[in-house]
Amino acid sequence: MLRPVRLVDRFNEIERELPANWAEATLVLAVSNEAQSDRAAALLGPANPGRRGKSVRFTTARRGGSVAPDGLRRLLRRLDDEGIGGALELVRATEAPASELRKRESLRDQWKRGLGNLPADWSDIYAEVRFASTDYVERGALLLAPVNPARAGGTATLRFRSAHHFGYGVSPEMAARCFERCDEDGITGEVEILRALSDTNPVGTQGPVWLVGGRAV
């Protein structure tokens, strides 16, 4: 006998099928046990649900007044933990306005712009990418694997090193390609070059290191 799909896992499936530029999604949960519908609505309270019989309807949005996807995941986990099951389905989804999308600079373009602001003889970079949502961290880390990213700073932040010609760090061209893959996957955020050195000449080493928070990076 197949085990029922957890609500949080079902939401993850629905989210993956949404368009890359989705802004708001309305969902309905048909609770399998009518006696649990009150409890389901109560646990989903921050999502401002509406209940009709055994159906609970609510909305999630990437920005604005509705609960964010990460917040909704936490709420659905509470239902799963209490054994409240049901069928979770998408009612409708809206996309971000084109004007808003035009304002959002791609990760690759941010990286290229950052490189363009450095002196021509730069040799080593310590940089970070801050994803717009923690939803992007797992997938973003996979797509950025060639840059050898490390978790640092906030929960949605990855840091990495880049080297211009030799030494420790990914090439700037490979980093650009990795960010392009993230862009193609609809992942958004901010890229910032934190530290940069010029004209270094490592002798018997892989290059210079920085001390950040008491550790070498």
N, C-alpha and C. Protein backbone atom coordinates (compact mmCIF):
# COMPACT_ATOMS: atom_id res chain seq x y z
N MET A 1 0.84 -1.20 0.00
CA MET A 1 0.00 0.00 0.00
C MET A 1 0.88 1.25 0.00
N LEU A 2 0.59 2.21 -0.88
CA LEU A 2 1.40 3.41 -0.99
C LEU A 2 1.15 4.34 0.18
N ARG A 3 2.22 4.95 0.68
CA ARG A 3 2.09 5.91 1.76
C ARG A 3 1.59 7.24 1.18
N PRO A 4 0.71 7.95 1.91
CA PRO A 4 0.21 9.24 1.39
C PRO A 4 1.35 10.24 1.27
N VAL A 5 1.25 11.11 0.26
CA VAL A 5 2.27 12.14 0.04
C VAL A 5 2.13 13.22 1.10
N ARG A 6 3.24 13.59 1.72
CA ARG A 6 3.20 14.67 2.71
C ARG A 6 2.80 15.97 2.02
N LEU A 7 2.06 16.80 2.74
CA LEU A 7 1.58 18.05 2.16
C LEU A 7 2.72 18.96 1.73
N VAL A 8 3.78 19.01 2.54
CA VAL A 8 4.91 19.88 2.18
C VAL A 8 5.58 19.39 0.91
N ASP A 9 5.65 18.06 0.72
CA ASP A 9 6.24 17.51 -0.50
C ASP A 9 5.34 17.81 -1.70
N ARG A 10 4.04 17.74 -1.49
CA ARG A 10 3.11 18.05 -2.58
C ARG A 10 3.23 19.52 -2.98
N PHE A 11 3.39 20.41 -1.99
CA PHE A 11 3.56 21.82 -2.32
C PHE A 11 4.84 22.03 -3.11
N ASN A 12 5.92 21.34 -2.74
CA ASN A 12 7.18 21.46 -3.48
C ASN A 12 6.99 21.05 -4.94
N GLU A 13 6.20 19.99 -5.17
CA GLU A 13 5.91 19.56 -6.54
C GLU A 13 5.18 20.65 -7.30
N ILE A 14 4.16 21.22 -6.66
CA ILE A 14 3.37 22.29 -7.30
C ILE A 14 4.26 23.48 -7.62
N GLU A 15 5.12 23.86 -6.68
CA GLU A 15 5.98 25.03 -6.89
C GLU A 15 6.93 24.82 -8.06
N ARG A 16 7.45 23.61 -8.19
CA ARG A 16 8.38 23.34 -9.30
C ARG A 16 7.71 23.46 -10.66
N GLU A 17 6.39 23.28 -10.70
CA GLU A 17 5.66 23.35 -11.97
C GLU A 17 5.17 24.76 -12.29
N LEU A 18 5.34 25.69 -11.35
CA LEU A 18 4.92 27.07 -11.60
C LEU A 18 5.88 27.75 -12.57
N PRO A 19 5.42 28.76 -13.29
CA PRO A 19 6.34 29.51 -14.17
C PRO A 19 7.45 30.17 -13.37
N ALA A 20 8.60 30.36 -14.01
CA ALA A 20 9.77 30.89 -13.31
C ALA A 20 9.51 32.25 -12.69
N ASN A 21 8.63 33.04 -13.29
CA ASN A 21 8.39 34.40 -12.79
C ASN A 21 7.08 34.50 -12.00
N TRP A 22 6.65 33.39 -11.38
CA TRP A 22 5.39 33.43 -10.64
C TRP A 22 5.51 34.38 -9.46
N ALA A 23 4.41 35.05 -9.17
CA ALA A 23 4.39 36.01 -8.07
C ALA A 23 3.48 35.57 -6.94
N GLU A 24 2.30 35.00 -7.28
CA GLU A 24 1.33 34.59 -6.26
C GLU A 24 0.63 33.33 -6.71
N ALA A 25 0.38 32.43 -5.75
CA ALA A 25 -0.30 31.18 -6.06
C ALA A 25 -1.39 30.94 -5.02
N THR A 26 -2.58 30.57 -5.50
CA THR A 26 -3.69 30.22 -4.63
C THR A 26 -3.88 28.71 -4.68
N LEU A 27 -3.99 28.09 -3.50
CA LEU A 27 -4.11 26.65 -3.39
C LEU A 27 -5.34 26.29 -2.57
N VAL A 28 -5.79 25.05 -2.74
CA VAL A 28 -6.89 24.54 -1.93
C VAL A 28 -6.50 23.19 -1.37
N LEU A 29 -6.77 23.00 -0.09
CA LEU A 29 -6.51 21.73 0.57
C LEU A 29 -7.84 21.09 0.92
N ALA A 30 -8.10 19.92 0.32
CA ALA A 30 -9.30 19.15 0.64
C ALA A 30 -8.92 18.17 1.73
N VAL A 31 -9.31 18.47 2.97
CA VAL A 31 -8.93 17.64 4.11
C VAL A 31 -9.69 16.33 4.07
N SER A 32 -8.97 15.23 4.25
CA SER A 32 -9.60 13.92 4.13
C SER A 32 -10.54 13.61 5.28
N ASN A 33 -10.26 14.17 6.45
CA ASN A 33 -11.08 13.93 7.63
C ASN A 33 -11.76 15.24 8.03
N GLU A 34 -13.09 15.27 7.92
CA GLU A 34 -13.82 16.51 8.18
C GLU A 34 -13.59 17.01 9.60
N ALA A 35 -13.37 16.10 10.53
CA ALA A 35 -13.14 16.50 11.92
C ALA A 35 -11.84 17.27 12.07
N GLN A 36 -10.92 17.12 11.10
CA GLN A 36 -9.63 17.79 11.18
C GLN A 36 -9.61 19.12 10.42
N SER A 37 -10.69 19.45 9.74
CA SER A 37 -10.68 20.65 8.90
C SER A 37 -10.53 21.92 9.73
N ASP A 38 -11.14 21.97 10.92
CA ASP A 38 -10.98 23.13 11.79
C ASP A 38 -9.53 23.29 12.21
N ARG A 39 -8.91 22.17 12.57
CA ARG A 39 -7.51 22.23 13.01
C ARG A 39 -6.60 22.62 11.85
N ALA A 40 -6.88 22.13 10.66
CA ALA A 40 -6.08 22.48 9.49
C ALA A 40 -6.16 23.98 9.23
N ALA A 41 -7.36 24.54 9.29
CA ALA A 41 -7.53 25.97 9.07
C ALA A 41 -6.81 26.78 10.14
N ALA A 42 -6.84 26.30 11.38
CA ALA A 42 -6.16 27.01 12.46
C ALA A 42 -4.65 27.02 12.26
N LEU A 43 -4.09 25.88 11.87
CA LEU A 43 -2.64 25.80 11.66
C LEU A 43 -2.20 26.64 10.46
N LEU A 44 -3.10 26.82 9.50
CA LEU A 44 -2.80 27.63 8.32
C LEU A 44 -3.18 29.09 8.53
N GLY A 45 -3.44 29.47 9.76
CA GLY A 45 -3.90 30.82 10.08
C GLY A 45 -3.08 31.94 9.48
N PRO A 46 -1.72 31.90 9.55
CA PRO A 46 -0.92 32.99 8.99
C PRO A 46 -1.11 33.16 7.48
N ALA A 47 -1.62 32.13 6.80
CA ALA A 47 -1.86 32.22 5.35
C ALA A 47 -3.25 32.77 5.05
N ASN A 48 -3.96 33.22 6.09
CA ASN A 48 -5.29 33.82 5.94
C ASN A 48 -6.22 32.90 5.15
N PRO A 49 -6.44 31.68 5.63
CA PRO A 49 -7.22 30.70 4.85
C PRO A 49 -8.72 30.99 4.90
N GLY A 50 -9.40 30.49 3.91
CA GLY A 50 -10.85 30.51 3.89
C GLY A 50 -11.35 29.07 3.85
N ARG A 51 -12.31 28.74 4.68
CA ARG A 51 -12.77 27.36 4.77
C ARG A 51 -14.19 27.22 4.26
N ARG A 52 -14.43 26.15 3.52
CA ARG A 52 -15.77 25.81 3.06
C ARG A 52 -15.90 24.29 3.15
N GLY A 53 -16.63 23.83 4.13
CA GLY A 53 -16.73 22.39 4.35
C GLY A 53 -15.38 21.81 4.71
N LYS A 54 -14.95 20.82 3.95
CA LYS A 54 -13.64 20.18 4.19
C LYS A 54 -12.53 20.83 3.38
N SER A 55 -12.84 21.89 2.64
CA SER A 55 -11.84 22.55 1.80
C SER A 55 -11.31 23.83 2.47
N VAL A 56 -10.01 23.98 2.43
CA VAL A 56 -9.36 25.16 2.99
C VAL A 56 -8.56 25.82 1.87
N ARG A 57 -8.85 27.08 1.61
CA ARG A 57 -8.21 27.81 0.50
C ARG A 57 -7.31 28.89 1.06
N PHE A 58 -6.11 29.05 0.48
CA PHE A 58 -5.14 30.02 0.97
C PHE A 58 -4.19 30.42 -0.15
N THR A 59 -3.40 31.45 0.13
CA THR A 59 -2.52 32.03 -0.90
C THR A 59 -1.10 32.16 -0.37
N THR A 60 -0.14 31.99 -1.25
CA THR A 60 1.26 32.25 -0.96
C THR A 60 1.82 33.17 -2.03
N ALA A 61 2.76 34.02 -1.66
CA ALA A 61 3.33 34.98 -2.61
C ALA A 61 4.82 35.18 -2.33
N ARG A 62 5.57 35.43 -3.36
CA ARG A 62 6.99 35.66 -3.20
C ARG A 62 7.27 36.98 -2.50
N ARG A 63 6.39 37.96 -2.67
CA ARG A 63 6.53 39.23 -1.98
C ARG A 63 5.14 39.83 -1.82
N GLY A 64 4.99 40.67 -0.82
CA GLY A 64 3.69 41.27 -0.60
C GLY A 64 3.08 40.81 0.71
N GLY A 65 1.75 40.92 0.82
CA GLY A 65 1.08 40.66 2.08
C GLY A 65 0.86 39.20 2.41
N SER A 66 0.90 38.30 1.43
CA SER A 66 0.64 36.88 1.69
C SER A 66 1.88 36.20 2.26
N VAL A 67 1.65 35.04 2.90
CA VAL A 67 2.76 34.29 3.47
C VAL A 67 3.69 33.84 2.35
N ALA A 68 5.01 33.88 2.61
CA ALA A 68 6.00 33.48 1.62
C ALA A 68 6.05 31.96 1.49
N PRO A 69 6.59 31.44 0.38
CA PRO A 69 6.66 29.99 0.20
C PRO A 69 7.34 29.26 1.35
N ASP A 70 8.44 29.80 1.87
CA ASP A 70 9.12 29.17 3.00
C ASP A 70 8.22 29.12 4.22
N GLY A 71 7.48 30.20 4.47
CA GLY A 71 6.56 30.23 5.59
C GLY A 71 5.44 29.22 5.42
N LEU A 72 4.94 29.08 4.21
CA LEU A 72 3.88 28.10 3.96
C LEU A 72 4.40 26.69 4.17
N ARG A 73 5.65 26.45 3.79
CA ARG A 73 6.23 25.12 4.02
C ARG A 73 6.23 24.77 5.51
N ARG A 74 6.58 25.76 6.34
CA ARG A 74 6.59 25.51 7.78
C ARG A 74 5.17 25.19 8.28
N LEU A 75 4.18 25.89 7.76
CA LEU A 75 2.80 25.62 8.17
C LEU A 75 2.35 24.23 7.75
N LEU A 76 2.69 23.85 6.53
CA LEU A 76 2.29 22.53 6.04
C LEU A 76 3.00 21.42 6.80
N ARG A 77 4.23 21.67 7.23
CA ARG A 77 4.91 20.66 8.04
C ARG A 77 4.19 20.42 9.36
N ARG A 78 3.58 21.48 9.91
CA ARG A 78 2.81 21.31 11.15
C ARG A 78 1.62 20.38 10.91
N LEU A 79 0.96 20.56 9.77
CA LEU A 79 -0.14 19.66 9.44
C LEU A 79 0.35 18.23 9.29
N ASP A 80 1.48 18.07 8.59
CA ASP A 80 2.04 16.73 8.42
C ASP A 80 2.39 16.11 9.77
N ASP A 81 2.99 16.91 10.64
CA ASP A 81 3.39 16.39 11.95
C ASP A 81 2.19 15.95 12.79
N GLU A 82 1.03 16.57 12.56
CA GLU A 82 -0.17 16.20 13.31
C GLU A 82 -1.00 15.14 12.60
N GLY A 83 -0.48 14.66 11.47
CA GLY A 83 -1.17 13.59 10.76
C GLY A 83 -2.39 14.05 10.00
N ILE A 84 -2.47 15.34 9.69
CA ILE A 84 -3.60 15.87 8.91
C ILE A 84 -3.29 15.71 7.43
N GLY A 85 -4.05 14.88 6.77
CA GLY A 85 -3.82 14.62 5.36
C GLY A 85 -4.90 15.21 4.48
N GLY A 86 -4.69 15.12 3.18
CA GLY A 86 -5.67 15.64 2.23
C GLY A 86 -5.04 15.85 0.87
N ALA A 87 -5.82 16.36 -0.04
CA ALA A 87 -5.35 16.63 -1.40
C ALA A 87 -5.08 18.12 -1.56
N LEU A 88 -3.84 18.45 -1.88
CA LEU A 88 -3.43 19.84 -2.07
C LEU A 88 -3.30 20.11 -3.56
N GLU A 89 -4.04 21.09 -4.05
CA GLU A 89 -4.04 21.40 -5.48
C GLU A 89 -3.90 22.89 -5.72
N LEU A 90 -3.34 23.23 -6.88
CA LEU A 90 -3.21 24.63 -7.29
C LEU A 90 -4.52 25.10 -7.91
N VAL A 91 -4.99 26.26 -7.46
CA VAL A 91 -6.20 26.86 -8.03
C VAL A 91 -5.82 27.80 -9.17
N ARG A 92 -4.91 28.71 -8.89
CA ARG A 92 -4.45 29.63 -9.93
C ARG A 92 -3.11 30.22 -9.50
N ALA A 93 -2.38 30.76 -10.48
CA ALA A 93 -1.10 31.42 -10.21
C ALA A 93 -1.00 32.65 -11.08
N THR A 94 -0.42 33.70 -10.53
CA THR A 94 -0.19 34.92 -11.30
C THR A 94 1.30 35.15 -11.45
N GLU A 95 1.67 35.80 -12.54
CA GLU A 95 3.07 36.07 -12.82
C GLU A 95 3.40 37.52 -12.50
N ALA A 96 4.68 37.77 -12.22
CA ALA A 96 5.12 39.12 -11.93
C ALA A 96 4.97 39.99 -13.17
N PRO A 97 4.58 41.27 -13.01
CA PRO A 97 4.46 42.16 -14.16
C PRO A 97 5.77 42.30 -14.91
N ALA A 98 5.67 42.49 -16.22
CA ALA A 98 6.88 42.61 -17.04
C ALA A 98 7.75 43.77 -16.56
N SER A 99 7.13 44.84 -16.10
CA SER A 99 7.92 46.00 -15.64
C SER A 99 8.78 45.64 -14.45
N GLU A 100 8.26 44.76 -13.57
CA GLU A 100 9.03 44.34 -12.40
C GLU A 100 10.18 43.44 -12.81
N LEU A 101 9.93 42.55 -13.80
CA LEU A 101 10.97 41.65 -14.26
C LEU A 101 12.12 42.41 -14.91
N ARG A 102 11.80 43.50 -15.60
CA ARG A 102 12.86 44.26 -16.28
C ARG A 102 13.80 44.91 -15.27
N LYS A 103 13.31 45.20 -14.09
CA LYS A 103 14.15 45.84 -13.08
C LYS A 103 15.13 44.87 -12.44
N ARG A 104 14.87 43.58 -12.56
CA ARG A 104 15.67 42.57 -11.88
C ARG A 104 16.85 42.16 -12.75
N GLU A 105 18.05 42.52 -12.34
CA GLU A 105 19.25 42.19 -13.10
C GLU A 105 19.62 40.73 -12.87
N SER A 106 19.98 40.03 -13.94
CA SER A 106 20.31 38.62 -13.81
C SER A 106 21.58 38.44 -12.99
N LEU A 107 21.75 37.25 -12.42
CA LEU A 107 22.95 36.95 -11.63
C LEU A 107 24.20 37.06 -12.49
N ARG A 108 24.12 36.56 -13.72
CA ARG A 108 25.28 36.62 -14.61
C ARG A 108 25.67 38.07 -14.90
N ASP A 109 24.68 38.92 -15.17
CA ASP A 109 24.98 40.32 -15.47
C ASP A 109 25.56 41.04 -14.26
N GLN A 110 25.07 40.69 -13.06
CA GLN A 110 25.63 41.29 -11.86
C GLN A 110 27.09 40.90 -11.69
N TRP A 111 27.39 39.63 -11.96
CA TRP A 111 28.77 39.15 -11.87
C TRP A 111 29.67 39.86 -12.88
N LYS A 112 29.20 39.97 -14.11
CA LYS A 112 30.00 40.64 -15.15
C LYS A 112 30.19 42.11 -14.82
N ARG A 113 29.14 42.74 -14.28
CA ARG A 113 29.27 44.15 -13.90
C ARG A 113 30.28 44.32 -12.78
N GLY A 114 30.25 43.40 -11.80
CA GLY A 114 31.22 43.46 -10.72
C GLY A 114 32.65 43.31 -11.21
N LEU A 115 32.85 42.39 -12.15
CA LEU A 115 34.20 42.21 -12.72
C LEU A 115 34.63 43.47 -13.47
N GLY A 116 33.69 44.11 -14.14
CA GLY A 116 34.03 45.31 -14.90
C GLY A 116 34.46 46.48 -14.03
N ASN A 117 34.10 46.44 -12.75
CA ASN A 117 34.49 47.52 -11.85
C ASN A 117 35.86 47.29 -11.21
N LEU A 118 36.47 46.12 -11.47
CA LEU A 118 37.77 45.82 -10.88
C LEU A 118 38.89 46.31 -11.78
N PRO A 119 40.08 46.54 -11.22
CA PRO A 119 41.23 46.89 -12.06
C PRO A 119 41.60 45.74 -12.98
N ALA A 120 42.21 46.06 -14.10
CA ALA A 120 42.50 45.04 -15.11
C ALA A 120 43.43 43.95 -14.60
N ASP A 121 44.26 44.26 -13.58
CA ASP A 121 45.23 43.28 -13.11
C ASP A 121 44.73 42.50 -11.89
N TRP A 122 43.41 42.44 -11.67
CA TRP A 122 42.92 41.69 -10.51
C TRP A 122 43.33 40.23 -10.65
N SER A 123 43.59 39.61 -9.52
CA SER A 123 44.04 38.22 -9.54
C SER A 123 43.17 37.28 -8.72
N ASP A 124 42.62 37.78 -7.59
CA ASP A 124 41.86 36.91 -6.69
C ASP A 124 40.61 37.64 -6.18
N ILE A 125 39.53 36.90 -6.09
CA ILE A 125 38.25 37.46 -5.65
C ILE A 125 37.63 36.56 -4.59
N TYR A 126 37.02 37.19 -3.60
CA TYR A 126 36.15 36.50 -2.65
C TYR A 126 34.78 37.14 -2.80
N ALA A 127 33.79 36.35 -3.18
CA ALA A 127 32.48 36.89 -3.54
C ALA A 127 31.36 36.09 -2.89
N GLU A 128 30.15 36.64 -2.95
CA GLU A 128 29.00 35.92 -2.41
C GLU A 128 27.78 36.15 -3.29
N VAL A 129 26.87 35.19 -3.23
CA VAL A 129 25.57 35.32 -3.87
C VAL A 129 24.52 35.17 -2.78
N ARG A 130 23.60 36.13 -2.73
CA ARG A 130 22.51 36.10 -1.75
C ARG A 130 21.21 35.86 -2.52
N PHE A 131 20.67 34.67 -2.36
CA PHE A 131 19.46 34.31 -3.09
C PHE A 131 18.25 35.08 -2.56
N ALA A 132 17.31 35.35 -3.46
CA ALA A 132 16.12 36.11 -3.07
C ALA A 132 15.23 35.31 -2.13
N SER A 133 15.38 34.00 -2.11
CA SER A 133 14.59 33.14 -1.23
C SER A 133 15.41 31.94 -0.82
N THR A 134 15.19 31.44 0.39
CA THR A 134 15.86 30.21 0.81
C THR A 134 15.40 29.02 -0.02
N ASP A 135 14.28 29.18 -0.73
CA ASP A 135 13.82 28.12 -1.63
C ASP A 135 14.87 27.81 -2.70
N TYR A 136 15.69 28.79 -3.02
CA TYR A 136 16.65 28.64 -4.11
C TYR A 136 17.98 28.02 -3.67
N VAL A 137 18.21 27.90 -2.37
CA VAL A 137 19.55 27.53 -1.89
C VAL A 137 19.97 26.15 -2.39
N GLU A 138 19.11 25.16 -2.21
CA GLU A 138 19.50 23.79 -2.59
C GLU A 138 19.77 23.67 -4.09
N ARG A 139 18.84 24.17 -4.89
CA ARG A 139 19.02 24.10 -6.34
C ARG A 139 20.17 24.99 -6.79
N GLY A 140 20.28 26.19 -6.20
CA GLY A 140 21.36 27.09 -6.57
C GLY A 140 22.72 26.51 -6.25
N ALA A 141 22.86 25.86 -5.08
CA ALA A 141 24.14 25.24 -4.72
C ALA A 141 24.52 24.16 -5.72
N LEU A 142 23.53 23.42 -6.21
CA LEU A 142 23.81 22.38 -7.21
C LEU A 142 24.30 22.99 -8.51
N LEU A 143 23.62 24.03 -8.99
CA LEU A 143 24.02 24.66 -10.25
C LEU A 143 25.35 25.39 -10.13
N LEU A 144 25.68 25.83 -8.91
CA LEU A 144 26.94 26.55 -8.68
C LEU A 144 28.06 25.63 -8.20
N ALA A 145 27.85 24.32 -8.24
CA ALA A 145 28.84 23.38 -7.72
C ALA A 145 30.26 23.62 -8.26
N PRO A 146 30.44 23.94 -9.54
CA PRO A 146 31.81 24.16 -10.03
C PRO A 146 32.56 25.31 -9.36
N VAL A 147 31.85 26.25 -8.73
CA VAL A 147 32.54 27.36 -8.06
C VAL A 147 32.91 26.99 -6.62
N ASN A 148 32.54 25.76 -6.20
CA ASN A 148 32.84 25.28 -4.85
C ASN A 148 32.28 26.23 -3.79
N PRO A 149 30.97 26.47 -3.79
CA PRO A 149 30.38 27.44 -2.87
C PRO A 149 30.35 26.92 -1.44
N ALA A 150 30.39 27.84 -0.49
CA ALA A 150 30.32 27.49 0.93
C ALA A 150 29.23 28.32 1.59
N ARG A 151 28.50 27.72 2.52
CA ARG A 151 27.48 28.46 3.25
C ARG A 151 28.15 29.47 4.17
N ALA A 152 27.64 30.68 4.16
CA ALA A 152 28.20 31.74 5.00
C ALA A 152 27.18 32.84 5.10
N GLY A 153 27.34 33.69 6.10
CA GLY A 153 26.43 34.82 6.24
C GLY A 153 25.03 34.35 6.55
N GLY A 154 24.05 34.80 5.79
CA GLY A 154 22.65 34.44 6.02
C GLY A 154 22.32 33.05 5.54
N THR A 155 21.10 32.61 5.81
CA THR A 155 20.69 31.26 5.43
C THR A 155 20.57 31.07 3.93
N ALA A 156 20.47 32.17 3.18
CA ALA A 156 20.34 32.07 1.72
C ALA A 156 21.59 32.60 1.02
N THR A 157 22.74 32.50 1.69
CA THR A 157 23.98 33.07 1.16
C THR A 157 25.03 32.00 0.93
N LEU A 158 25.68 32.07 -0.23
CA LEU A 158 26.80 31.20 -0.56
C LEU A 158 27.99 32.08 -0.95
N ARG A 159 29.19 31.66 -0.53
CA ARG A 159 30.39 32.40 -0.88
C ARG A 159 31.38 31.51 -1.64
N PHE A 160 32.21 32.14 -2.44
CA PHE A 160 33.15 31.38 -3.26
C PHE A 160 34.34 32.26 -3.64
N ARG A 161 35.38 31.60 -4.16
CA ARG A 161 36.56 32.33 -4.63
C ARG A 161 36.70 32.19 -6.15
N SER A 162 37.29 33.21 -6.74
CA SER A 162 37.57 33.19 -8.17
C SER A 162 38.99 33.68 -8.40
N ALA A 163 39.67 33.06 -9.36
CA ALA A 163 41.04 33.43 -9.69
C ALA A 163 41.12 33.79 -11.17
N HIS A 164 41.83 34.86 -11.48
CA HIS A 164 41.88 35.37 -12.85
C HIS A 164 42.68 34.46 -13.77
N HIS A 165 43.90 34.12 -13.37
CA HIS A 165 44.78 33.34 -14.25
C HIS A 165 45.22 32.02 -13.62
N PHE A 166 45.52 32.02 -12.33
CA PHE A 166 46.04 30.81 -11.69
C PHE A 166 45.73 30.90 -10.20
N GLY A 167 45.99 29.81 -9.49
CA GLY A 167 45.77 29.83 -8.05
C GLY A 167 44.43 29.21 -7.68
N TYR A 168 44.01 29.43 -6.44
CA TYR A 168 42.81 28.80 -5.91
C TYR A 168 41.58 29.63 -6.27
N GLY A 169 40.59 28.97 -6.84
CA GLY A 169 39.35 29.66 -7.18
C GLY A 169 38.90 29.33 -8.59
N VAL A 170 37.61 29.44 -8.83
CA VAL A 170 37.05 29.15 -10.14
C VAL A 170 37.40 30.28 -11.11
N SER A 171 37.47 29.96 -12.39
CA SER A 171 37.73 31.00 -13.38
C SER A 171 36.51 31.91 -13.47
N PRO A 172 36.69 33.18 -13.80
CA PRO A 172 35.54 34.08 -13.92
C PRO A 172 34.56 33.64 -15.00
N GLU A 173 35.08 33.00 -16.06
CA GLU A 173 34.21 32.53 -17.13
C GLU A 173 33.31 31.38 -16.65
N MET A 174 33.88 30.47 -15.85
CA MET A 174 33.07 29.37 -15.33
C MET A 174 32.02 29.89 -14.35
N ALA A 175 32.40 30.86 -13.52
CA ALA A 175 31.43 31.45 -12.60
C ALA A 175 30.28 32.08 -13.37
N ALA A 176 30.61 32.79 -14.46
CA ALA A 176 29.58 33.41 -15.28
C ALA A 176 28.63 32.37 -15.85
N ARG A 177 29.19 31.25 -16.29
CA ARG A 177 28.34 30.18 -16.86
C ARG A 177 27.44 29.57 -15.78
N CYS A 178 27.96 29.40 -14.59
CA CYS A 178 27.15 28.85 -13.50
C CYS A 178 26.01 29.79 -13.14
N PHE A 179 26.30 31.09 -13.10
CA PHE A 179 25.24 32.05 -12.82
C PHE A 179 24.21 32.07 -13.95
N GLU A 180 24.67 31.87 -15.17
CA GLU A 180 23.75 31.82 -16.30
C GLU A 180 22.79 30.64 -16.16
N ARG A 181 23.30 29.51 -15.68
CA ARG A 181 22.45 28.34 -15.44
C ARG A 181 21.40 28.65 -14.38
N CYS A 182 21.80 29.38 -13.35
CA CYS A 182 20.84 29.77 -12.32
C CYS A 182 19.76 30.68 -12.91
N ASP A 183 20.19 31.62 -13.76
CA ASP A 183 19.24 32.53 -14.40
C ASP A 183 18.23 31.73 -15.24
N GLU A 184 18.73 30.74 -15.96
CA GLU A 184 17.86 29.93 -16.81
C GLU A 184 16.86 29.14 -15.98
N ASP A 185 17.22 28.87 -14.72
CA ASP A 185 16.35 28.10 -13.83
C ASP A 185 15.40 29.01 -13.04
N GLY A 186 15.45 30.32 -13.30
CA GLY A 186 14.56 31.25 -12.62
C GLY A 186 15.00 31.65 -11.23
N ILE A 187 16.27 31.38 -10.89
CA ILE A 187 16.78 31.73 -9.57
C ILE A 187 17.25 33.18 -9.57
N THR A 188 16.80 33.94 -8.59
CA THR A 188 17.15 35.35 -8.50
C THR A 188 17.89 35.65 -7.21
N GLY A 189 18.52 36.81 -7.17
CA GLY A 189 19.26 37.21 -5.98
C GLY A 189 20.24 38.31 -6.29
N GLU A 190 21.25 38.45 -5.45
CA GLU A 190 22.26 39.49 -5.61
C GLU A 190 23.65 38.88 -5.55
N VAL A 191 24.52 39.34 -6.43
CA VAL A 191 25.91 38.91 -6.45
C VAL A 191 26.79 40.09 -6.06
N GLU A 192 27.71 39.86 -5.14
CA GLU A 192 28.58 40.94 -4.68
C GLU A 192 30.00 40.44 -4.51
N ILE A 193 30.95 41.20 -5.03
CA ILE A 193 32.37 40.91 -4.82
C ILE A 193 32.78 41.57 -3.51
N LEU A 194 33.14 40.74 -2.53
CA LEU A 194 33.43 41.23 -1.19
C LEU A 194 34.87 41.72 -1.06
N ARG A 195 35.80 40.99 -1.64
CA ARG A 195 37.22 41.34 -1.54
C ARG A 195 37.91 40.99 -2.84
N ALA A 196 38.93 41.76 -3.18
CA ALA A 196 39.67 41.50 -4.41
C ALA A 196 41.13 41.91 -4.22
N LEU A 197 42.02 41.15 -4.81
CA LEU A 197 43.45 41.46 -4.80
C LEU A 197 43.95 41.57 -6.23
N SER A 198 45.01 42.34 -6.39
CA SER A 198 45.58 42.53 -7.73
C SER A 198 47.03 42.09 -7.76
N ASP A 199 47.41 41.53 -8.91
CA ASP A 199 48.82 41.23 -9.21
C ASP A 199 49.49 40.41 -8.12
N THR A 200 48.81 39.39 -7.61
CA THR A 200 49.45 38.51 -6.64
C THR A 200 50.33 37.51 -7.36
N ASN A 201 51.34 36.98 -6.67
CA ASN A 201 52.28 36.04 -7.26
C ASN A 201 52.58 34.94 -6.26
N PRO A 202 51.70 33.94 -6.16
CA PRO A 202 51.92 32.87 -5.19
C PRO A 202 53.18 32.06 -5.52
N VAL A 203 53.95 31.77 -4.50
CA VAL A 203 55.17 30.98 -4.65
C VAL A 203 55.02 29.72 -3.80
N GLY A 204 54.83 28.58 -4.43
CA GLY A 204 54.67 27.33 -3.71
C GLY A 204 53.37 27.21 -2.97
N THR A 205 52.40 28.06 -3.30
CA THR A 205 51.08 28.00 -2.65
C THR A 205 50.00 28.06 -3.72
N GLN A 206 48.76 27.92 -3.29
CA GLN A 206 47.63 28.05 -4.22
C GLN A 206 47.10 29.47 -4.30
N GLY A 207 47.77 30.38 -3.62
CA GLY A 207 47.34 31.76 -3.67
C GLY A 207 47.08 32.33 -2.30
N PRO A 208 46.77 33.61 -2.22
CA PRO A 208 46.55 34.28 -0.94
C PRO A 208 45.26 33.81 -0.27
N VAL A 209 45.16 34.08 1.02
CA VAL A 209 43.94 33.78 1.77
C VAL A 209 43.51 35.02 2.52
N TRP A 210 42.22 35.07 2.85
CA TRP A 210 41.69 36.14 3.68
C TRP A 210 41.27 35.54 5.02
N LEU A 211 41.42 36.30 6.07
CA LEU A 211 40.91 35.90 7.38
C LEU A 211 39.56 36.56 7.58
N VAL A 212 38.52 35.76 7.62
CA VAL A 212 37.15 36.25 7.78
C VAL A 212 36.53 35.55 8.98
N GLY A 213 36.19 36.32 9.99
CA GLY A 213 35.60 35.73 11.18
C GLY A 213 36.52 34.75 11.88
N GLY A 214 37.81 35.01 11.79
CA GLY A 214 38.78 34.15 12.48
C GLY A 214 39.18 32.90 11.73
N ARG A 215 38.72 32.75 10.48
CA ARG A 215 39.13 31.57 9.72
C ARG A 215 39.58 31.99 8.33
N ALA A 216 40.45 31.17 7.75
CA ALA A 216 40.99 31.45 6.44
C ALA A 216 40.02 31.02 5.36
N VAL A 217 39.84 31.87 4.37
CA VAL A 217 38.98 31.53 3.23
C VAL A 217 39.72 31.78 1.92
